[in-house]
Amino acid sequence: MAGAIDPVGGGTVVLTADHKSPHSLPDGKWTGTLDDWQTLCARHQQEKKNFIDDVTGRKNLREMVRAAGKSVKLQIYADLKAYFGDS
């Protein structure tokens, strides 16, 4: 909601136009219509940028884990221990 106070970062919410598919993806599908775009607040725009590697267009898993809550991090840790072993 434009003009509202951001409950996480504080300050006024600013809405921006954002492309749904990263420009860096070689197989990006652009139709030239409004369906190519979405509305995001500035904070979510920055989060999206941090979660997509600008060079490869792939998800930046390290940043996604860093941003996850403690319970999700513990589940990821348990999954990795199960995969690699506990040593």
PDB file of N, CA and C in Angstrom:
ATOM      1  N   MET A   1       0.840  -1.176   0.000  1.00  0.00           N
ATOM      2  CA  MET A   1       0.000   0.000   0.000  1.00  0.00           C
ATOM      3  C   MET A   1       0.886   1.240   0.000  1.00  0.00           C
ATOM      4  N   ALA A   2       0.897   1.932  -1.085  1.00  0.00           N
ATOM      5  CA  ALA A   2       1.723   3.125  -1.210  1.00  0.00           C
ATOM      6  C   ALA A   2       1.392   4.116  -0.112  1.00  0.00           C
ATOM      7  N   GLY A   3       2.436   4.672   0.497  1.00  0.00           N
ATOM      8  CA  GLY A   3       2.258   5.679   1.537  1.00  0.00           C
ATOM      9  C   GLY A   3       2.144   5.113   2.934  1.00  0.00           C
ATOM     10  N   ALA A   4       1.915   3.805   3.085  1.00  0.00           N
ATOM     11  CA  ALA A   4       1.833   3.179   4.407  1.00  0.00           C
ATOM     12  C   ALA A   4       3.239   3.104   5.007  1.00  0.00           C
ATOM     13  N   ILE A   5       3.315   2.796   6.291  1.00  0.00           N
ATOM     14  CA  ILE A   5       4.607   2.628   6.950  1.00  0.00           C
ATOM     15  C   ILE A   5       5.038   1.174   6.831  1.00  0.00           C
ATOM     16  N   ASP A   6       6.273   0.951   6.342  1.00  0.00           N
ATOM     17  CA  ASP A   6       6.821  -0.395   6.194  1.00  0.00           C
ATOM     18  C   ASP A   6       7.033  -0.986   7.586  1.00  0.00           C
ATOM     19  N   PRO A   7       6.354  -2.099   7.919  1.00  0.00           N
ATOM     20  CA  PRO A   7       6.469  -2.656   9.260  1.00  0.00           C
ATOM     21  C   PRO A   7       7.835  -3.263   9.561  1.00  0.00           C
ATOM     22  N   VAL A   8       8.626  -3.567   8.537  1.00  0.00           N
ATOM     23  CA  VAL A   8       9.940  -4.165   8.753  1.00  0.00           C
ATOM     24  C   VAL A   8      11.034  -3.107   8.745  1.00  0.00           C
ATOM     25  N   GLY A   9      11.102  -2.338   7.678  1.00  0.00           N
ATOM     26  CA  GLY A   9      12.182  -1.375   7.524  1.00  0.00           C
ATOM     27  C   GLY A   9      11.841   0.020   8.011  1.00  0.00           C
ATOM     28  N   GLY A  10      10.559   0.270   8.319  1.00  0.00           N
ATOM     29  CA  GLY A  10      10.157   1.616   8.687  1.00  0.00           C
ATOM     30  C   GLY A  10      10.120   2.497   7.456  1.00  0.00           C
ATOM     31  N   GLY A  11       9.710   3.702   7.615  1.00  0.00           N
ATOM     32  CA  GLY A  11       9.639   4.628   6.494  1.00  0.00           C
ATOM     33  C   GLY A  11       8.403   4.396   5.663  1.00  0.00           C
ATOM     34  N   THR A  12       8.227   5.252   4.701  1.00  0.00           N
ATOM     35  CA  THR A  12       7.051   5.204   3.836  1.00  0.00           C
ATOM     36  C   THR A  12       7.243   4.188   2.725  1.00  0.00           C
ATOM     37  N   VAL A  13       6.213   3.412   2.457  1.00  0.00           N
ATOM     38  CA  VAL A  13       6.263   2.425   1.378  1.00  0.00           C
ATOM     39  C   VAL A  13       6.217   3.144   0.035  1.00  0.00           C
ATOM     40  N   VAL A  14       7.159   2.805  -0.829  1.00  0.00           N
ATOM     41  CA  VAL A  14       7.218   3.349  -2.178  1.00  0.00           C
ATOM     42  C   VAL A  14       7.051   2.182  -3.143  1.00  0.00           C
ATOM     43  N   LEU A  15       6.064   2.265  -4.031  1.00  0.00           N
ATOM     44  CA  LEU A  15       5.829   1.200  -5.008  1.00  0.00           C
ATOM     45  C   LEU A  15       6.600   1.483  -6.291  1.00  0.00           C
ATOM     46  N   THR A  16       7.142   0.420  -6.884  1.00  0.00           N
ATOM     47  CA  THR A  16       7.915   0.555  -8.112  1.00  0.00           C
ATOM     48  C   THR A  16       7.488  -0.508  -9.114  1.00  0.00           C
ATOM     49  N   ALA A  17       7.673  -0.214 -10.393  1.00  0.00           N
ATOM     50  CA  ALA A  17       7.428  -1.202 -11.449  1.00  0.00           C
ATOM     51  C   ALA A  17       8.638  -2.120 -11.515  1.00  0.00           C
ATOM     52  N   ASP A  18       8.390  -3.412 -11.682  1.00  0.00           N
ATOM     53  CA  ASP A  18       9.467  -4.387 -11.694  1.00  0.00           C
ATOM     54  C   ASP A  18       9.205  -5.424 -12.774  1.00  0.00           C
ATOM     55  N   HIS A  19      10.253  -5.816 -13.491  1.00  0.00           N
ATOM     56  CA  HIS A  19      10.111  -6.876 -14.490  1.00  0.00           C
ATOM     57  C   HIS A  19      10.076  -8.214 -13.777  1.00  0.00           C
ATOM     58  N   LYS A  20       9.180  -9.102 -14.176  1.00  0.00           N
ATOM     59  CA  LYS A  20       9.022 -10.397 -13.512  1.00  0.00           C
ATOM     60  C   LYS A  20      10.197 -11.323 -13.785  1.00  0.00           C
ATOM     61  N   SER A  21      10.712 -11.306 -14.990  1.00  0.00           N
ATOM     62  CA  SER A  21      11.822 -12.170 -15.382  1.00  0.00           C
ATOM     63  C   SER A  21      13.103 -11.342 -15.401  1.00  0.00           C
ATOM     64  N   PRO A  22      14.162 -11.787 -14.701  1.00  0.00           N
ATOM     65  CA  PRO A  22      15.403 -11.008 -14.696  1.00  0.00           C
ATOM     66  C   PRO A  22      15.942 -10.767 -16.102  1.00  0.00           C
ATOM     67  N   HIS A  23      16.443  -9.571 -16.331  1.00  0.00           N
ATOM     68  CA  HIS A  23      17.017  -9.223 -17.642  1.00  0.00           C
ATOM     69  C   HIS A  23      18.201 -10.126 -17.993  1.00  0.00           C
ATOM     70  N   SER A  24      18.886 -10.642 -16.964  1.00  0.00           N
ATOM     71  CA  SER A  24      20.088 -11.428 -17.215  1.00  0.00           C
ATOM     72  C   SER A  24      19.794 -12.826 -17.726  1.00  0.00           C
ATOM     73  N   LEU A  25      18.548 -13.272 -17.634  1.00  0.00           N
ATOM     74  CA  LEU A  25      18.234 -14.611 -18.119  1.00  0.00           C
ATOM     75  C   LEU A  25      18.207 -14.636 -19.644  1.00  0.00           C
ATOM     76  N   PRO A  26      18.991 -15.514 -20.263  1.00  0.00           N
ATOM     77  CA  PRO A  26      19.030 -15.556 -21.722  1.00  0.00           C
ATOM     78  C   PRO A  26      17.720 -16.039 -22.338  1.00  0.00           C
ATOM     79  N   ASP A  27      16.957 -16.831 -21.595  1.00  0.00           N
ATOM     80  CA  ASP A  27      15.721 -17.372 -22.148  1.00  0.00           C
ATOM     81  C   ASP A  27      14.492 -16.614 -21.653  1.00  0.00           C
ATOM     82  N   GLY A  28      14.692 -15.359 -21.225  1.00  0.00           N
ATOM     83  CA  GLY A  28      13.571 -14.565 -20.727  1.00  0.00           C
ATOM     84  C   GLY A  28      12.484 -14.430 -21.790  1.00  0.00           C
ATOM     85  N   LYS A  29      11.270 -14.563 -21.371  1.00  0.00           N
ATOM     86  CA  LYS A  29      10.131 -14.479 -22.288  1.00  0.00           C
ATOM     87  C   LYS A  29       9.452 -13.111 -22.109  1.00  0.00           C
ATOM     88  N   TRP A  30       9.656 -12.222 -23.037  1.00  0.00           N
ATOM     89  CA  TRP A  30       9.056 -10.891 -22.988  1.00  0.00           C
ATOM     90  C   TRP A  30       7.962 -10.796 -24.041  1.00  0.00           C
ATOM     91  N   THR A  31       6.772 -10.436 -23.591  1.00  0.00           N
ATOM     92  CA  THR A  31       5.648 -10.335 -24.520  1.00  0.00           C
ATOM     93  C   THR A  31       5.394  -8.898 -24.954  1.00  0.00           C
ATOM     94  N   GLY A  32       6.013  -7.941 -24.251  1.00  0.00           N
ATOM     95  CA  GLY A  32       5.775  -6.536 -24.578  1.00  0.00           C
ATOM     96  C   GLY A  32       4.466  -6.016 -24.014  1.00  0.00           C
ATOM     97  N   THR A  33       3.892  -6.736 -23.058  1.00  0.00           N
ATOM     98  CA  THR A  33       2.630  -6.323 -22.447  1.00  0.00           C
ATOM     99  C   THR A  33       2.824  -6.097 -20.951  1.00  0.00           C
ATOM    100  N   LEU A  34       1.781  -5.648 -20.291  1.00  0.00           N
ATOM    101  CA  LEU A  34       1.833  -5.439 -18.847  1.00  0.00           C
ATOM    102  C   LEU A  34       2.034  -6.741 -18.076  1.00  0.00           C
ATOM    103  N   ASP A  35       1.780  -7.877 -18.718  1.00  0.00           N
ATOM    104  CA  ASP A  35       1.997  -9.166 -18.061  1.00  0.00           C
ATOM    105  C   ASP A  35       3.471  -9.412 -17.737  1.00  0.00           C
ATOM    106  N   ASP A  36       4.379  -8.661 -18.349  1.00  0.00           N
ATOM    107  CA  ASP A  36       5.809  -8.782 -18.085  1.00  0.00           C
ATOM    108  C   ASP A  36       6.209  -8.085 -16.786  1.00  0.00           C
ATOM    109  N   TRP A  37       5.305  -7.318 -16.195  1.00  0.00           N
ATOM    110  CA  TRP A  37       5.639  -6.453 -15.067  1.00  0.00           C
ATOM    111  C   TRP A  37       4.824  -6.777 -13.830  1.00  0.00           C
ATOM    112  N   GLN A  38       5.356  -6.366 -12.688  1.00  0.00           N
ATOM    113  CA  GLN A  38       4.652  -6.487 -11.418  1.00  0.00           C
ATOM    114  C   GLN A  38       4.958  -5.242 -10.585  1.00  0.00           C
ATOM    115  N   THR A  39       4.157  -5.003  -9.576  1.00  0.00           N
ATOM    116  CA  THR A  39       4.380  -3.887  -8.677  1.00  0.00           C
ATOM    117  C   THR A  39       4.987  -4.414  -7.388  1.00  0.00           C
ATOM    118  N   LEU A  40       6.136  -3.861  -7.000  1.00  0.00           N
ATOM    119  CA  LEU A  40       6.789  -4.236  -5.753  1.00  0.00           C
ATOM    120  C   LEU A  40       7.130  -2.985  -4.961  1.00  0.00           C
ATOM    121  N   CYS A  41       7.146  -3.114  -3.633  1.00  0.00           N
ATOM    122  CA  CYS A  41       7.644  -2.002  -2.819  1.00  0.00           C
ATOM    123  C   CYS A  41       9.168  -2.029  -2.900  1.00  0.00           C
ATOM    124  N   ALA A  42       9.792  -0.942  -2.521  1.00  0.00           N
ATOM    125  CA  ALA A  42      11.247  -0.817  -2.644  1.00  0.00           C
ATOM    126  C   ALA A  42      11.977  -1.913  -1.865  1.00  0.00           C
ATOM    127  N   ARG A  43      11.470  -2.275  -0.673  1.00  0.00           N
ATOM    128  CA  ARG A  43      12.135  -3.311   0.133  1.00  0.00           C
ATOM    129  C   ARG A  43      12.093  -4.652  -0.578  1.00  0.00           C
ATOM    130  N   HIS A  44      10.926  -5.032  -1.123  1.00  0.00           N
ATOM    131  CA  HIS A  44      10.830  -6.312  -1.818  1.00  0.00           C
ATOM    132  C   HIS A  44      11.598  -6.292  -3.136  1.00  0.00           C
ATOM    133  N   GLN A  45      11.703  -5.136  -3.745  1.00  0.00           N
ATOM    134  CA  GLN A  45      12.514  -4.997  -4.961  1.00  0.00           C
ATOM    135  C   GLN A  45      13.974  -5.329  -4.635  1.00  0.00           C
ATOM    136  N   GLN A  46      14.463  -4.802  -3.509  1.00  0.00           N
ATOM    137  CA  GLN A  46      15.846  -5.053  -3.101  1.00  0.00           C
ATOM    138  C   GLN A  46      16.047  -6.525  -2.735  1.00  0.00           C
ATOM    139  N   GLU A  47      15.072  -7.113  -2.039  1.00  0.00           N
ATOM    140  CA  GLU A  47      15.175  -8.535  -1.697  1.00  0.00           C
ATOM    141  C   GLU A  47      15.249  -9.393  -2.953  1.00  0.00           C
ATOM    142  N   LYS A  48      14.411  -9.067  -3.939  1.00  0.00           N
ATOM    143  CA  LYS A  48      14.424  -9.829  -5.186  1.00  0.00           C
ATOM    144  C   LYS A  48      15.792  -9.716  -5.847  1.00  0.00           C
ATOM    145  N   LYS A  49      16.351  -8.516  -5.839  1.00  0.00           N
ATOM    146  CA  LYS A  49      17.662  -8.304  -6.452  1.00  0.00           C
ATOM    147  C   LYS A  49      18.727  -9.136  -5.732  1.00  0.00           C
ATOM    148  N   ASN A  50      18.663  -9.186  -4.404  1.00  0.00           N
ATOM    149  CA  ASN A  50      19.645  -9.942  -3.636  1.00  0.00           C
ATOM    150  C   ASN A  50      19.515 -11.441  -3.845  1.00  0.00           C
ATOM    151  N   PHE A  51      18.321 -11.922  -4.188  1.00  0.00           N
ATOM    152  CA  PHE A  51      18.091 -13.344  -4.306  1.00  0.00           C
ATOM    153  C   PHE A  51      18.347 -13.883  -5.706  1.00  0.00           C
ATOM    154  N   ILE A  52      18.607 -13.029  -6.681  1.00  0.00           N
ATOM    155  CA  ILE A  52      18.897 -13.464  -8.052  1.00  0.00           C
ATOM    156  C   ILE A  52      20.304 -12.995  -8.417  1.00  0.00           C
ATOM    157  N   ASP A  53      21.147 -13.925  -8.849  1.00  0.00           N
ATOM    158  CA  ASP A  53      22.500 -13.580  -9.272  1.00  0.00           C
ATOM    159  C   ASP A  53      22.425 -12.857 -10.612  1.00  0.00           C
ATOM    160  N   ASP A  54      22.925 -11.619 -10.658  1.00  0.00           N
ATOM    161  CA  ASP A  54      22.840 -10.800 -11.869  1.00  0.00           C
ATOM    162  C   ASP A  54      23.613 -11.394 -13.045  1.00  0.00           C
ATOM    163  N   VAL A  55      24.647 -12.167 -12.765  1.00  0.00           N
ATOM    164  CA  VAL A  55      25.475 -12.710 -13.837  1.00  0.00           C
ATOM    165  C   VAL A  55      24.848 -13.957 -14.450  1.00  0.00           C
ATOM    166  N   THR A  56      24.413 -14.885 -13.594  1.00  0.00           N
ATOM    167  CA  THR A  56      23.911 -16.164 -14.089  1.00  0.00           C
ATOM    168  C   THR A  56      22.394 -16.207 -14.233  1.00  0.00           C
ATOM    169  N   GLY A  57      21.686 -15.333 -13.504  1.00  0.00           N
ATOM    170  CA  GLY A  57      20.232 -15.371 -13.496  1.00  0.00           C
ATOM    171  C   GLY A  57      19.683 -16.453 -12.588  1.00  0.00           C
ATOM    172  N   ARG A  58      20.580 -17.153 -11.884  1.00  0.00           N
ATOM    173  CA  ARG A  58      20.161 -18.227 -10.979  1.00  0.00           C
ATOM    174  C   ARG A  58      19.865 -17.676  -9.587  1.00  0.00           C
ATOM    175  N   LYS A  59      19.121 -18.447  -8.812  1.00  0.00           N
ATOM    176  CA  LYS A  59      18.818 -18.048  -7.438  1.00  0.00           C
ATOM    177  C   LYS A  59      20.094 -18.034  -6.613  1.00  0.00           C
ATOM    178  N   ASN A  60      20.232 -17.016  -5.773  1.00  0.00           N
ATOM    179  CA  ASN A  60      21.368 -16.879  -4.880  1.00  0.00           C
ATOM    180  C   ASN A  60      20.997 -17.564  -3.560  1.00  0.00           C
ATOM    181  N   LEU A  61      21.290 -18.848  -3.466  1.00  0.00           N
ATOM    182  CA  LEU A  61      20.857 -19.645  -2.324  1.00  0.00           C
ATOM    183  C   LEU A  61      21.472 -19.176  -1.010  1.00  0.00           C
ATOM    184  N   ARG A  62      22.700 -18.703  -1.047  1.00  0.00           N
ATOM    185  CA  ARG A  62      23.320 -18.213   0.185  1.00  0.00           C
ATOM    186  C   ARG A  62      22.536 -17.046   0.774  1.00  0.00           C
ATOM    187  N   GLU A  63      22.137 -16.115  -0.060  1.00  0.00           N
ATOM    188  CA  GLU A  63      21.364 -14.972   0.438  1.00  0.00           C
ATOM    189  C   GLU A  63      19.985 -15.409   0.911  1.00  0.00           C
ATOM    190  N   MET A  64      19.400 -16.389   0.243  1.00  0.00           N
ATOM    191  CA  MET A  64      18.092 -16.872   0.653  1.00  0.00           C
ATOM    192  C   MET A  64      18.167 -17.520   2.040  1.00  0.00           C
ATOM    193  N   VAL A  65      19.240 -18.283   2.284  1.00  0.00           N
ATOM    194  CA  VAL A  65      19.402 -18.904   3.598  1.00  0.00           C
ATOM    195  C   VAL A  65      19.671 -17.831   4.651  1.00  0.00           C
ATOM    196  N   ARG A  66      20.503 -16.860   4.333  1.00  0.00           N
ATOM    197  CA  ARG A  66      20.781 -15.780   5.289  1.00  0.00           C
ATOM    198  C   ARG A  66      19.511 -15.045   5.699  1.00  0.00           C
ATOM    199  N   ALA A  67      18.607 -14.870   4.771  1.00  0.00           N
ATOM    200  CA  ALA A  67      17.377 -14.116   5.047  1.00  0.00           C
ATOM    201  C   ALA A  67      16.312 -14.968   5.734  1.00  0.00           C
ATOM    202  N   ALA A  68      16.488 -16.288   5.731  1.00  0.00           N
ATOM    203  CA  ALA A  68      15.486 -17.185   6.316  1.00  0.00           C
ATOM    204  C   ALA A  68      15.467 -17.065   7.836  1.00  0.00           C
ATOM    205  N   GLY A  69      14.343 -17.411   8.415  1.00  0.00           N
ATOM    206  CA  GLY A  69      14.212 -17.422   9.866  1.00  0.00           C
ATOM    207  C   GLY A  69      14.954 -18.605  10.478  1.00  0.00           C
ATOM    208  N   LYS A  70      15.079 -18.591  11.797  1.00  0.00           N
ATOM    209  CA  LYS A  70      15.857 -19.610  12.506  1.00  0.00           C
ATOM    210  C   LYS A  70      15.316 -21.019  12.256  1.00  0.00           C
ATOM    211  N   SER A  71      14.000 -21.194  12.283  1.00  0.00           N
ATOM    212  CA  SER A  71      13.447 -22.549  12.105  1.00  0.00           C
ATOM    213  C   SER A  71      13.765 -23.098  10.713  1.00  0.00           C
ATOM    214  N   VAL A  72      13.736 -22.249   9.695  1.00  0.00           N
ATOM    215  CA  VAL A  72      14.066 -22.693   8.337  1.00  0.00           C
ATOM    216  C   VAL A  72      15.553 -23.021   8.250  1.00  0.00           C
ATOM    217  N   LYS A  73      16.401 -22.191   8.872  1.00  0.00           N
ATOM    218  CA  LYS A  73      17.840 -22.459   8.874  1.00  0.00           C
ATOM    219  C   LYS A  73      18.144 -23.786   9.561  1.00  0.00           C
ATOM    220  N   LEU A  74      17.452 -24.085  10.663  1.00  0.00           N
ATOM    221  CA  LEU A  74      17.670 -25.350  11.357  1.00  0.00           C
ATOM    222  C   LEU A  74      17.259 -26.534  10.484  1.00  0.00           C
ATOM    223  N   GLN A  75      16.195 -26.386   9.716  1.00  0.00           N
ATOM    224  CA  GLN A  75      15.766 -27.464   8.820  1.00  0.00           C
ATOM    225  C   GLN A  75      16.777 -27.660   7.684  1.00  0.00           C
ATOM    226  N   ILE A  76      17.281 -26.571   7.146  1.00  0.00           N
ATOM    227  CA  ILE A  76      18.310 -26.660   6.099  1.00  0.00           C
ATOM    228  C   ILE A  76      19.555 -27.342   6.650  1.00  0.00           C
ATOM    229  N   TYR A  77      19.941 -26.968   7.864  1.00  0.00           N
ATOM    230  CA  TYR A  77      21.110 -27.571   8.510  1.00  0.00           C
ATOM    231  C   TYR A  77      20.906 -29.076   8.697  1.00  0.00           C
ATOM    232  N   ALA A  78      19.724 -29.458   9.158  1.00  0.00           N
ATOM    233  CA  ALA A  78      19.415 -30.884   9.341  1.00  0.00           C
ATOM    234  C   ALA A  78      19.464 -31.622   8.006  1.00  0.00           C
ATOM    235  N   ASP A  79      18.928 -31.008   6.955  1.00  0.00           N
ATOM    236  CA  ASP A  79      18.966 -31.633   5.624  1.00  0.00           C
ATOM    237  C   ASP A  79      20.401 -31.828   5.150  1.00  0.00           C
ATOM    238  N   LEU A  80      21.251 -30.829   5.355  1.00  0.00           N
ATOM    239  CA  LEU A  80      22.654 -30.924   4.928  1.00  0.00           C
ATOM    240  C   LEU A  80      23.411 -31.975   5.744  1.00  0.00           C
ATOM    241  N   LYS A  81      23.136 -32.029   7.043  1.00  0.00           N
ATOM    242  CA  LYS A  81      23.774 -33.059   7.868  1.00  0.00           C
ATOM    243  C   LYS A  81      23.363 -34.445   7.418  1.00  0.00           C
ATOM    244  N   ALA A  82      22.080 -34.614   7.091  1.00  0.00           N
ATOM    245  CA  ALA A  82      21.601 -35.920   6.619  1.00  0.00           C
ATOM    246  C   ALA A  82      22.267 -36.281   5.293  1.00  0.00           C
ATOM    247  N   TYR A  83      22.489 -35.320   4.446  1.00  0.00           N
ATOM    248  CA  TYR A  83      23.093 -35.572   3.142  1.00  0.00           C
ATOM    249  C   TYR A  83      24.591 -35.857   3.250  1.00  0.00           C
ATOM    250  N   PHE A  84      25.305 -34.977   3.992  1.00  0.00           N
ATOM    251  CA  PHE A  84      26.767 -35.083   4.063  1.00  0.00           C
ATOM    252  C   PHE A  84      27.270 -35.919   5.231  1.00  0.00           C
ATOM    253  N   GLY A  85      26.409 -36.218   6.180  1.00  0.00           N
ATOM    254  CA  GLY A  85      26.854 -36.923   7.388  1.00  0.00           C
ATOM    255  C   GLY A  85      27.092 -35.908   8.498  1.00  0.00           C
ATOM    256  N   ASP A  86      27.276 -36.394   9.681  1.00  0.00           N
ATOM    257  CA  ASP A  86      27.340 -35.513  10.857  1.00  0.00           C
ATOM    258  C   ASP A  86      28.763 -35.121  11.226  1.00  0.00           C
ATOM    259  N   SER A  87      29.766 -35.619  10.526  1.00  0.00           N
ATOM    260  CA  SER A  87      31.146 -35.335  10.930  1.00  0.00           C
ATOM    261  C   SER A  87      31.707 -34.087  10.308  1.00  0.00           C
TER     262      SER A  87
END
